[in-house]
C-alpha atoms as a PDB file:
ATOM      1  CA  UNK A   1      -3.236 -87.682  81.070  1.00  0.00           C
ATOM      2  CA  UNK A   2      -6.305 -86.353  83.733  1.00  0.00           C
ATOM      3  CA  UNK A   3      -8.062 -83.421  82.652  1.00  0.00           C
ATOM      4  CA  UNK A   4     -10.672 -81.920  85.079  1.00  0.00           C
ATOM      5  CA  UNK A   5     -14.443 -82.838  84.120  1.00  0.00           C
ATOM      6  CA  UNK A   6     -15.270 -79.401  83.827  1.00  0.00           C
ATOM      7  CA  UNK A   7     -13.259 -79.091  80.744  1.00  0.00           C
ATOM      8  CA  UNK A   8     -15.606 -81.636  78.509  1.00  0.00           C
ATOM      9  CA  UNK A   9     -16.293 -79.780  75.457  1.00  0.00           C
ATOM     10  CA  UNK A  10     -19.907 -81.384  75.769  1.00  0.00           C
ATOM     11  CA  UNK A  11     -20.912 -79.345  78.832  1.00  0.00           C
ATOM     12  CA  UNK A  12     -22.779 -76.711  79.218  1.00  0.00           C
ATOM     13  CA  UNK A  13     -21.167 -73.354  78.071  1.00  0.00           C
ATOM     14  CA  UNK A  14     -19.560 -71.526  80.557  1.00  0.00           C
ATOM     15  CA  UNK A  15     -20.405 -67.973  81.097  1.00  0.00           C
ATOM     16  CA  UNK A  16     -16.910 -66.762  81.297  1.00  0.00           C
ATOM     17  CA  UNK A  17     -13.233 -67.808  81.012  1.00  0.00           C
ATOM     18  CA  UNK A  18     -12.390 -70.406  83.242  1.00  0.00           C
ATOM     19  CA  UNK A  19      -8.868 -71.728  84.171  1.00  0.00           C
ATOM     20  CA  UNK A  20      -8.866 -74.878  85.716  1.00  0.00           C
ATOM     21  CA  UNK A  21      -5.446 -75.424  87.553  1.00  0.00           C
ATOM     22  CA  UNK A  22      -6.412 -78.257  89.616  1.00  0.00           C
ATOM     23  CA  UNK A  23      -3.771 -80.606  87.745  1.00  0.00           C
ATOM     24  CA  UNK A  24      -1.019 -77.941  87.730  1.00  0.00           C
ATOM     25  CA  UNK A  25       1.107 -77.962  85.870  1.00  0.00           C
ATOM     26  CA  UNK A  26      -1.319 -78.870  83.433  1.00  0.00           C
ATOM     27  CA  UNK A  27      -3.985 -76.023  82.854  1.00  0.00           C
ATOM     28  CA  UNK A  28      -6.870 -76.135  81.144  1.00  0.00           C
ATOM     29  CA  UNK A  29      -8.596 -72.862  80.119  1.00  0.00           C
ATOM     30  CA  UNK A  30     -12.204 -73.318  79.214  1.00  0.00           C
ATOM     31  CA  UNK A  31     -13.328 -69.854  76.531  1.00  0.00           C
ATOM     32  CA  UNK A  32     -16.955 -69.215  76.950  1.00  0.00           C
ATOM     33  CA  UNK A  33     -19.552 -69.380  74.033  1.00  0.00           C
ATOM     34  CA  UNK A  34     -18.826 -65.800  72.320  1.00  0.00           C
ATOM     35  CA  UNK A  35     -15.394 -64.068  72.072  1.00  0.00           C
ATOM     36  CA  UNK A  36     -15.327 -60.007  73.024  1.00  0.00           C
ATOM     37  CA  UNK A  37     -12.901 -57.067  74.608  1.00  0.00           C
ATOM     38  CA  UNK A  38     -14.150 -58.139  77.762  1.00  0.00           C
ATOM     39  CA  UNK A  39     -13.727 -61.846  77.770  1.00  0.00           C
ATOM     40  CA  UNK A  40     -10.236 -60.710  76.549  1.00  0.00           C
ATOM     41  CA  UNK A  41      -9.571 -59.032  79.809  1.00  0.00           C
ATOM     42  CA  UNK A  42     -10.458 -61.935  81.860  1.00  0.00           C
ATOM     43  CA  UNK A  43      -8.671 -64.244  79.738  1.00  0.00           C
ATOM     44  CA  UNK A  44      -5.603 -61.614  80.304  1.00  0.00           C
ATOM     45  CA  UNK A  45      -6.010 -61.587  83.985  1.00  0.00           C
ATOM     46  CA  UNK A  46      -6.198 -65.017  84.256  1.00  0.00           C
ATOM     47  CA  UNK A  47      -2.957 -65.582  82.177  1.00  0.00           C
ATOM     48  CA  UNK A  48      -1.068 -62.660  84.379  1.00  0.00           C
ATOM     49  CA  UNK A  49      -2.261 -64.933  87.259  1.00  0.00           C
ATOM     50  CA  UNK A  50      -0.209 -67.872  85.656  1.00  0.00           C
ATOM     51  CA  UNK A  51       2.836 -65.351  84.648  1.00  0.00           C
ATOM     52  CA  UNK A  52       2.584 -64.447  88.493  1.00  0.00           C
ATOM     53  CA  UNK A  53       3.670 -67.735  89.880  1.00  0.00           C
ATOM     54  CA  UNK A  54       6.527 -67.733  88.270  1.00  0.00           C
ATOM     55  CA  UNK A  55       6.132 -71.521  87.358  1.00  0.00           C
ATOM     56  CA  UNK A  56       6.238 -73.392  84.302  1.00  0.00           C
ATOM     57  CA  UNK A  57       3.363 -75.123  83.098  1.00  0.00           C
ATOM     58  CA  UNK A  58       1.268 -76.870  80.269  1.00  0.00           C
ATOM     59  CA  UNK A  59      -1.613 -75.436  78.661  1.00  0.00           C
ATOM     60  CA  UNK A  60      -4.631 -76.881  76.802  1.00  0.00           C
ATOM     61  CA  UNK A  61      -7.236 -74.442  75.649  1.00  0.00           C
ATOM     62  CA  UNK A  62     -10.618 -75.345  74.731  1.00  0.00           C
ATOM     63  CA  UNK A  63     -14.525 -74.241  73.887  1.00  0.00           C
ATOM     64  CA  UNK A  64     -17.534 -76.095  74.926  1.00  0.00           C
ATOM     65  CA  UNK A  65     -19.311 -77.965  72.055  1.00  0.00           C
ATOM     66  CA  UNK A  66     -21.781 -75.600  70.355  1.00  0.00           C
ATOM     67  CA  UNK A  67     -19.391 -72.146  70.805  1.00  0.00           C
ATOM     68  CA  UNK A  68     -19.023 -70.415  67.842  1.00  0.00           C
ATOM     69  CA  UNK A  69     -16.381 -70.135  65.748  1.00  0.00           C
ATOM     70  CA  UNK A  70     -14.557 -66.958  66.231  1.00  0.00           C
ATOM     71  CA  UNK A  71     -14.600 -64.458  63.341  1.00  0.00           C
ATOM     72  CA  UNK A  72     -11.590 -62.200  61.973  1.00  0.00           C
ATOM     73  CA  UNK A  73     -12.123 -59.344  64.403  1.00  0.00           C
ATOM     74  CA  UNK A  74     -12.535 -61.767  67.534  1.00  0.00           C
ATOM     75  CA  UNK A  75      -9.162 -63.663  66.488  1.00  0.00           C
ATOM     76  CA  UNK A  76      -7.628 -60.447  66.082  1.00  0.00           C
ATOM     77  CA  UNK A  77      -8.372 -59.280  69.687  1.00  0.00           C
ATOM     78  CA  UNK A  78      -6.877 -62.746  71.074  1.00  0.00           C
ATOM     79  CA  UNK A  79      -3.738 -61.850  68.253  1.00  0.00           C
ATOM     80  CA  UNK A  80      -3.070 -58.567  69.551  1.00  0.00           C
ATOM     81  CA  UNK A  81      -2.981 -59.417  73.367  1.00  0.00           C
ATOM     82  CA  UNK A  82      -0.654 -62.592  72.135  1.00  0.00           C
ATOM     83  CA  UNK A  83       1.359 -60.214  70.299  1.00  0.00           C
ATOM     84  CA  UNK A  84       1.690 -57.836  73.455  1.00  0.00           C
ATOM     85  CA  UNK A  85       5.587 -57.996  74.477  1.00  0.00           C
ATOM     86  CA  UNK A  86       5.120 -58.859  78.336  1.00  0.00           C
ATOM     87  CA  UNK A  87       3.155 -62.334  76.947  1.00  0.00           C
ATOM     88  CA  UNK A  88       5.452 -63.178  74.221  1.00  0.00           C
ATOM     89  CA  UNK A  89       8.287 -62.764  77.340  1.00  0.00           C
ATOM     90  CA  UNK A  90       6.356 -64.813  79.894  1.00  0.00           C
ATOM     91  CA  UNK A  91       4.769 -67.262  77.681  1.00  0.00           C
ATOM     92  CA  UNK A  92       7.897 -68.258  76.423  1.00  0.00           C
ATOM     93  CA  UNK A  93       9.638 -68.280  79.509  1.00  0.00           C
ATOM     94  CA  UNK A  94       7.147 -70.020  81.709  1.00  0.00           C
ATOM     95  CA  UNK A  95       4.617 -72.215  79.290  1.00  0.00           C
ATOM     96  CA  UNK A  96       6.490 -75.377  77.497  1.00  0.00           C
ATOM     97  CA  UNK A  97       3.818 -75.951  75.320  1.00  0.00           C
ATOM     98  CA  UNK A  98       0.124 -75.359  74.609  1.00  0.00           C
ATOM     99  CA  UNK A  99      -2.845 -77.331  72.490  1.00  0.00           C
ATOM    100  CA  UNK A 100      -6.097 -75.878  71.627  1.00  0.00           C
ATOM    101  CA  UNK A 101      -8.791 -78.298  71.081  1.00  0.00           C
ATOM    102  CA  UNK A 102     -10.553 -78.105  67.894  1.00  0.00           C
ATOM    103  CA  UNK A 103     -13.156 -80.533  67.221  1.00  0.00           C
ATOM    104  CA  UNK A 104     -14.240 -79.123  63.668  1.00  0.00           C
ATOM    105  CA  UNK A 105     -11.624 -80.449  60.785  1.00  0.00           C
ATOM    106  CA  UNK A 106     -11.951 -77.005  59.047  1.00  0.00           C
ATOM    107  CA  UNK A 107     -11.490 -74.784  61.737  1.00  0.00           C
ATOM    108  CA  UNK A 108      -8.260 -77.006  62.359  1.00  0.00           C
ATOM    109  CA  UNK A 109      -7.081 -76.635  59.356  1.00  0.00           C
ATOM    110  CA  UNK A 110      -7.448 -72.447  59.737  1.00  0.00           C
ATOM    111  CA  UNK A 111      -5.602 -72.905  62.792  1.00  0.00           C
ATOM    112  CA  UNK A 112      -2.850 -74.721  61.351  1.00  0.00           C
ATOM    113  CA  UNK A 113      -2.580 -72.174  58.359  1.00  0.00           C
ATOM    114  CA  UNK A 114      -2.594 -69.298  60.787  1.00  0.00           C
ATOM    115  CA  UNK A 115       0.667 -70.874  62.683  1.00  0.00           C
ATOM    116  CA  UNK A 116       2.329 -71.247  59.245  1.00  0.00           C
ATOM    117  CA  UNK A 117       2.416 -67.031  59.483  1.00  0.00           C
ATOM    118  CA  UNK A 118       2.805 -66.556  62.959  1.00  0.00           C
ATOM    119  CA  UNK A 119       4.933 -68.190  65.519  1.00  0.00           C
ATOM    120  CA  UNK A 120       3.760 -68.338  69.222  1.00  0.00           C
ATOM    121  CA  UNK A 121       6.173 -67.836  72.016  1.00  0.00           C
ATOM    122  CA  UNK A 122       5.850 -71.115  73.179  1.00  0.00           C
ATOM    123  CA  UNK A 123       5.155 -74.513  71.129  1.00  0.00           C
ATOM    124  CA  UNK A 124       1.444 -74.699  70.114  1.00  0.00           C
ATOM    125  CA  UNK A 125      -0.247 -77.342  68.649  1.00  0.00           C
ATOM    126  CA  UNK A 126      -4.457 -77.684  67.598  1.00  0.00           C
ATOM    127  CA  UNK A 127      -5.567 -81.183  68.420  1.00  0.00           C
ATOM    128  CA  UNK A 128      -8.935 -82.638  67.846  1.00  0.00           C
ATOM    129  CA  UNK A 129      -9.673 -83.730  71.228  1.00  0.00           C
ATOM    130  CA  UNK A 130      -8.348 -83.967  74.758  1.00  0.00           C
ATOM    131  CA  UNK A 131      -6.675 -87.421  74.680  1.00  0.00           C
ATOM    132  CA  UNK A 132      -4.418 -86.258  71.806  1.00  0.00           C
ATOM    133  CA  UNK A 133      -3.840 -82.269  73.597  1.00  0.00           C
ATOM    134  CA  UNK A 134      -2.673 -84.187  76.805  1.00  0.00           C
ATOM    135  CA  UNK A 135      -0.538 -86.400  74.927  1.00  0.00           C
END
């Protein structure tokens, strides 16, 4: 499966959220080094653009190598956005599945634990790298 070169988790840190759509319906969302309300707003704008297309898509989310692990308050920002009724409705309707690349086994286990208690609107998997994310 093709992943755009700019989605390489070994590259430079992006300054903002990037939505790579060159291989649509595969979309790669590259997150910046830090998370804050402005980044969540930027992410929400990118997803709203996807929702407006009205086309089904698959999503791979990743951070660049060296990005800090999310703190509890940062995870909460994302969860609050993801739990909004419109986001759940549109994600469930359009996203056929998503994978989040989490290189750290400890962080991947934490994501798995979160998914025991929270069900995303579309199928979601934590994965250690690009080949398994694209599978």
